[in-house]
Amino acid sequence: MTGASGDIIGHKMRTQVDIPEDHLAALNAMAKAKEVSRAELVREAISEFVKLHDRPRTGEGIARSAGAWGNDFEDGLAYQLRLRAEWDDR
């Protein structure tokens, strides 16, 4: 099975990453404290990064919500004026 980018879903990839010494020291300390491997911490960090940044862009969200009012089209200003007119009747 492949994802949108053509990558095989569920496939793991090995890679090398240069990590500054201060980050590596912090990563080592966290791994020791949590009793997990550095690799596990890196996988967690990547997962969180993807979740944070893999959200619909504003335009995409708007496009997906289009039609929420059904087929009734009313200009936004006209809608506001109509609602406010109800207040005048009170």
N, C-alpha and C. Protein backbone atom coordinates (compact mmCIF):
# COMPACT_ATOMS: atom_id res chain seq x y z
N MET A 1 0.85 -1.16 0.00
CA MET A 1 0.00 0.00 0.00
C MET A 1 0.90 1.23 0.00
N THR A 2 0.52 2.25 -0.76
CA THR A 2 1.33 3.46 -0.81
C THR A 2 0.52 4.66 -0.37
N GLY A 3 1.22 5.65 0.18
CA GLY A 3 0.60 6.89 0.61
C GLY A 3 0.59 7.88 -0.53
N ALA A 4 0.11 9.10 -0.24
CA ALA A 4 -0.01 10.14 -1.25
C ALA A 4 1.33 10.48 -1.91
N SER A 5 2.41 10.38 -1.16
CA SER A 5 3.72 10.72 -1.71
C SER A 5 4.36 9.55 -2.43
N GLY A 6 3.67 8.39 -2.45
CA GLY A 6 4.23 7.22 -3.10
C GLY A 6 5.05 6.36 -2.17
N ASP A 7 5.24 6.81 -0.92
CA ASP A 7 5.99 6.01 0.05
C ASP A 7 5.17 4.80 0.48
N ILE A 8 5.85 3.74 0.81
CA ILE A 8 5.17 2.54 1.28
C ILE A 8 4.74 2.78 2.72
N ILE A 9 3.43 2.64 2.97
CA ILE A 9 2.89 2.86 4.31
C ILE A 9 3.36 1.75 5.22
N GLY A 10 3.82 2.11 6.40
CA GLY A 10 4.30 1.14 7.37
C GLY A 10 5.77 0.80 7.20
N HIS A 11 6.37 1.27 6.14
CA HIS A 11 7.78 1.01 5.89
C HIS A 11 8.62 1.92 6.77
N LYS A 12 9.66 1.36 7.37
CA LYS A 12 10.57 2.18 8.17
C LYS A 12 11.80 2.50 7.35
N MET A 13 12.36 3.67 7.60
CA MET A 13 13.55 4.10 6.88
C MET A 13 14.65 4.40 7.88
N ARG A 14 15.83 3.95 7.61
CA ARG A 14 16.98 4.31 8.43
C ARG A 14 17.59 5.56 7.81
N THR A 15 18.04 6.45 8.67
CA THR A 15 18.66 7.67 8.17
C THR A 15 19.72 8.14 9.15
N GLN A 16 20.53 9.04 8.72
CA GLN A 16 21.54 9.65 9.58
C GLN A 16 21.25 11.13 9.66
N VAL A 17 21.39 11.65 10.86
CA VAL A 17 21.13 13.06 11.09
C VAL A 17 22.25 13.62 11.96
N ASP A 18 22.77 14.77 11.57
CA ASP A 18 23.77 15.44 12.40
C ASP A 18 23.04 16.22 13.48
N ILE A 19 23.37 15.94 14.74
CA ILE A 19 22.71 16.59 15.87
C ILE A 19 23.78 17.33 16.67
N PRO A 20 23.55 18.61 16.96
CA PRO A 20 24.53 19.37 17.74
C PRO A 20 24.77 18.68 19.10
N GLU A 21 25.98 18.84 19.61
CA GLU A 21 26.37 18.15 20.85
C GLU A 21 25.44 18.48 22.02
N ASP A 22 25.01 19.74 22.14
CA ASP A 22 24.15 20.09 23.27
C ASP A 22 22.79 19.40 23.16
N HIS A 23 22.27 19.26 21.94
CA HIS A 23 21.02 18.54 21.75
C HIS A 23 21.19 17.05 22.00
N LEU A 24 22.33 16.52 21.58
CA LEU A 24 22.61 15.11 21.80
C LEU A 24 22.71 14.80 23.29
N ALA A 25 23.33 15.70 24.05
CA ALA A 25 23.43 15.51 25.50
C ALA A 25 22.04 15.53 26.13
N ALA A 26 21.20 16.46 25.69
CA ALA A 26 19.84 16.53 26.22
C ALA A 26 19.05 15.28 25.84
N LEU A 27 19.23 14.83 24.61
CA LEU A 27 18.55 13.62 24.13
C LEU A 27 18.99 12.40 24.94
N ASN A 28 20.29 12.29 25.21
CA ASN A 28 20.80 11.19 26.02
C ASN A 28 20.19 11.22 27.42
N ALA A 29 20.12 12.41 28.02
CA ALA A 29 19.57 12.53 29.38
C ALA A 29 18.09 12.16 29.39
N MET A 30 17.34 12.61 28.38
CA MET A 30 15.92 12.26 28.30
C MET A 30 15.72 10.77 28.10
N ALA A 31 16.51 10.18 27.23
CA ALA A 31 16.40 8.75 26.96
C ALA A 31 16.67 7.95 28.23
N LYS A 32 17.68 8.37 28.98
CA LYS A 32 18.01 7.67 30.22
C LYS A 32 16.88 7.82 31.24
N ALA A 33 16.36 9.04 31.37
CA ALA A 33 15.29 9.30 32.34
C ALA A 33 14.01 8.53 31.99
N LYS A 34 13.71 8.44 30.69
CA LYS A 34 12.49 7.75 30.27
C LYS A 34 12.70 6.25 30.04
N GLU A 35 13.96 5.85 30.13
CA GLU A 35 14.34 4.46 29.90
C GLU A 35 13.88 3.96 28.51
N VAL A 36 14.17 4.79 27.52
CA VAL A 36 13.90 4.43 26.12
C VAL A 36 15.15 4.77 25.31
N SER A 37 15.17 4.33 24.08
CA SER A 37 16.32 4.62 23.22
C SER A 37 16.22 6.03 22.65
N ARG A 38 17.37 6.54 22.23
CA ARG A 38 17.37 7.83 21.54
C ARG A 38 16.52 7.75 20.29
N ALA A 39 16.61 6.62 19.59
CA ALA A 39 15.82 6.46 18.37
C ALA A 39 14.33 6.60 18.65
N GLU A 40 13.88 6.04 19.77
CA GLU A 40 12.46 6.15 20.13
C GLU A 40 12.08 7.60 20.37
N LEU A 41 12.94 8.34 21.05
CA LEU A 41 12.66 9.77 21.28
C LEU A 41 12.60 10.54 19.97
N VAL A 42 13.49 10.22 19.05
CA VAL A 42 13.50 10.90 17.75
C VAL A 42 12.21 10.56 16.99
N ARG A 43 11.79 9.29 17.01
CA ARG A 43 10.52 8.91 16.36
C ARG A 43 9.35 9.67 16.96
N GLU A 44 9.33 9.79 18.30
CA GLU A 44 8.26 10.54 18.97
C GLU A 44 8.27 12.00 18.52
N ALA A 45 9.46 12.58 18.47
CA ALA A 45 9.58 13.99 18.09
C ALA A 45 9.10 14.21 16.65
N ILE A 46 9.47 13.31 15.76
CA ILE A 46 9.03 13.43 14.37
C ILE A 46 7.52 13.28 14.27
N SER A 47 6.97 12.34 15.02
CA SER A 47 5.52 12.13 15.02
C SER A 47 4.79 13.40 15.48
N GLU A 48 5.28 13.99 16.55
CA GLU A 48 4.66 15.22 17.05
C GLU A 48 4.81 16.37 16.05
N PHE A 49 5.96 16.46 15.41
CA PHE A 49 6.19 17.50 14.41
C PHE A 49 5.23 17.35 13.25
N VAL A 50 5.05 16.12 12.78
CA VAL A 50 4.14 15.87 11.66
C VAL A 50 2.71 16.22 12.05
N LYS A 51 2.28 15.81 13.24
CA LYS A 51 0.93 16.14 13.71
C LYS A 51 0.72 17.65 13.74
N LEU A 52 1.71 18.37 14.24
CA LEU A 52 1.61 19.81 14.38
C LEU A 52 1.53 20.51 13.02
N HIS A 53 2.29 20.02 12.06
CA HIS A 53 2.40 20.71 10.78
C HIS A 53 1.55 20.09 9.67
N ASP A 54 0.90 18.98 9.93
CA ASP A 54 0.09 18.32 8.91
C ASP A 54 -1.37 18.65 9.10
N ARG A 55 -1.64 19.92 9.23
CA ARG A 55 -3.02 20.39 9.38
C ARG A 55 -3.44 21.06 8.09
N PRO A 56 -4.73 21.08 7.82
CA PRO A 56 -5.18 21.73 6.59
C PRO A 56 -4.80 23.21 6.58
N ARG A 57 -4.42 23.67 5.45
CA ARG A 57 -4.14 25.08 5.29
C ARG A 57 -5.48 25.81 5.36
N THR A 58 -5.45 27.10 5.67
CA THR A 58 -6.68 27.86 5.84
C THR A 58 -7.60 27.72 4.63
N GLY A 59 -7.07 27.86 3.45
CA GLY A 59 -7.89 27.75 2.24
C GLY A 59 -8.50 26.38 2.08
N GLU A 60 -7.74 25.33 2.46
CA GLU A 60 -8.27 23.98 2.36
C GLU A 60 -9.43 23.78 3.33
N GLY A 61 -9.30 24.31 4.53
CA GLY A 61 -10.37 24.19 5.52
C GLY A 61 -11.62 24.92 5.06
N ILE A 62 -11.42 26.08 4.48
CA ILE A 62 -12.56 26.85 3.96
C ILE A 62 -13.22 26.08 2.83
N ALA A 63 -12.40 25.53 1.93
CA ALA A 63 -12.97 24.79 0.80
C ALA A 63 -13.76 23.57 1.29
N ARG A 64 -13.26 22.88 2.33
CA ARG A 64 -13.96 21.71 2.84
C ARG A 64 -15.26 22.07 3.55
N SER A 65 -15.32 23.28 4.11
CA SER A 65 -16.53 23.67 4.83
C SER A 65 -17.52 24.37 3.92
N ALA A 66 -17.14 24.63 2.69
CA ALA A 66 -18.05 25.26 1.75
C ALA A 66 -19.29 24.39 1.61
N GLY A 67 -20.42 25.05 1.60
CA GLY A 67 -21.66 24.30 1.49
C GLY A 67 -22.26 23.98 2.84
N ALA A 68 -21.64 24.45 3.91
CA ALA A 68 -22.17 24.18 5.24
C ALA A 68 -23.56 24.78 5.41
N TRP A 69 -23.85 25.80 4.64
CA TRP A 69 -25.17 26.44 4.71
C TRP A 69 -26.11 25.84 3.68
N GLY A 70 -25.71 24.76 3.05
CA GLY A 70 -26.54 24.16 2.01
C GLY A 70 -26.42 24.95 0.73
N ASN A 71 -27.45 24.92 -0.06
CA ASN A 71 -27.41 25.62 -1.35
C ASN A 71 -27.89 27.06 -1.23
N ASP A 72 -28.24 27.48 -0.02
CA ASP A 72 -28.71 28.84 0.19
C ASP A 72 -27.52 29.78 0.18
N PHE A 73 -27.51 30.69 -0.79
CA PHE A 73 -26.43 31.67 -0.83
C PHE A 73 -27.00 33.01 -0.45
N GLU A 74 -26.37 33.62 0.52
CA GLU A 74 -26.76 34.97 0.92
C GLU A 74 -25.49 35.73 1.22
N ASP A 75 -25.42 36.91 0.69
CA ASP A 75 -24.27 37.77 0.93
C ASP A 75 -24.12 37.98 2.43
N GLY A 76 -22.89 37.99 2.92
CA GLY A 76 -22.63 38.14 4.35
C GLY A 76 -23.22 39.41 4.94
N LEU A 77 -23.09 40.53 4.23
CA LEU A 77 -23.63 41.79 4.72
C LEU A 77 -25.15 41.73 4.75
N ALA A 78 -25.74 41.18 3.70
CA ALA A 78 -27.20 41.06 3.66
C ALA A 78 -27.69 40.20 4.83
N TYR A 79 -26.97 39.16 5.13
CA TYR A 79 -27.32 38.27 6.25
C TYR A 79 -27.28 39.04 7.57
N GLN A 80 -26.22 39.81 7.77
CA GLN A 80 -26.11 40.60 9.00
C GLN A 80 -27.25 41.61 9.12
N LEU A 81 -27.53 42.31 8.02
CA LEU A 81 -28.60 43.31 8.05
C LEU A 81 -29.95 42.67 8.33
N ARG A 82 -30.19 41.50 7.76
CA ARG A 82 -31.45 40.80 8.00
C ARG A 82 -31.59 40.41 9.46
N LEU A 83 -30.51 39.90 10.05
CA LEU A 83 -30.56 39.53 11.46
C LEU A 83 -30.75 40.74 12.36
N ARG A 84 -30.08 41.83 12.04
CA ARG A 84 -30.20 43.03 12.86
C ARG A 84 -31.58 43.67 12.73
N ALA A 85 -32.21 43.49 11.59
CA ALA A 85 -33.55 44.00 11.40
C ALA A 85 -34.53 43.33 12.35
N GLU A 86 -34.25 42.08 12.70
CA GLU A 86 -35.09 41.39 13.66
C GLU A 86 -35.05 42.09 15.01
N TRP A 87 -33.91 42.67 15.35
CA TRP A 87 -33.77 43.36 16.61
C TRP A 87 -34.64 44.62 16.65
N ASP A 88 -34.78 45.23 15.48
CA ASP A 88 -35.58 46.46 15.41
C ASP A 88 -37.06 46.17 15.67
N ASP A 89 -37.49 44.97 15.39
CA ASP A 89 -38.90 44.60 15.55
C ASP A 89 -39.26 44.36 17.02
N ARG A 90 -38.29 44.35 17.89
CA ARG A 90 -38.56 44.05 19.30
C ARG A 90 -38.93 45.27 20.09
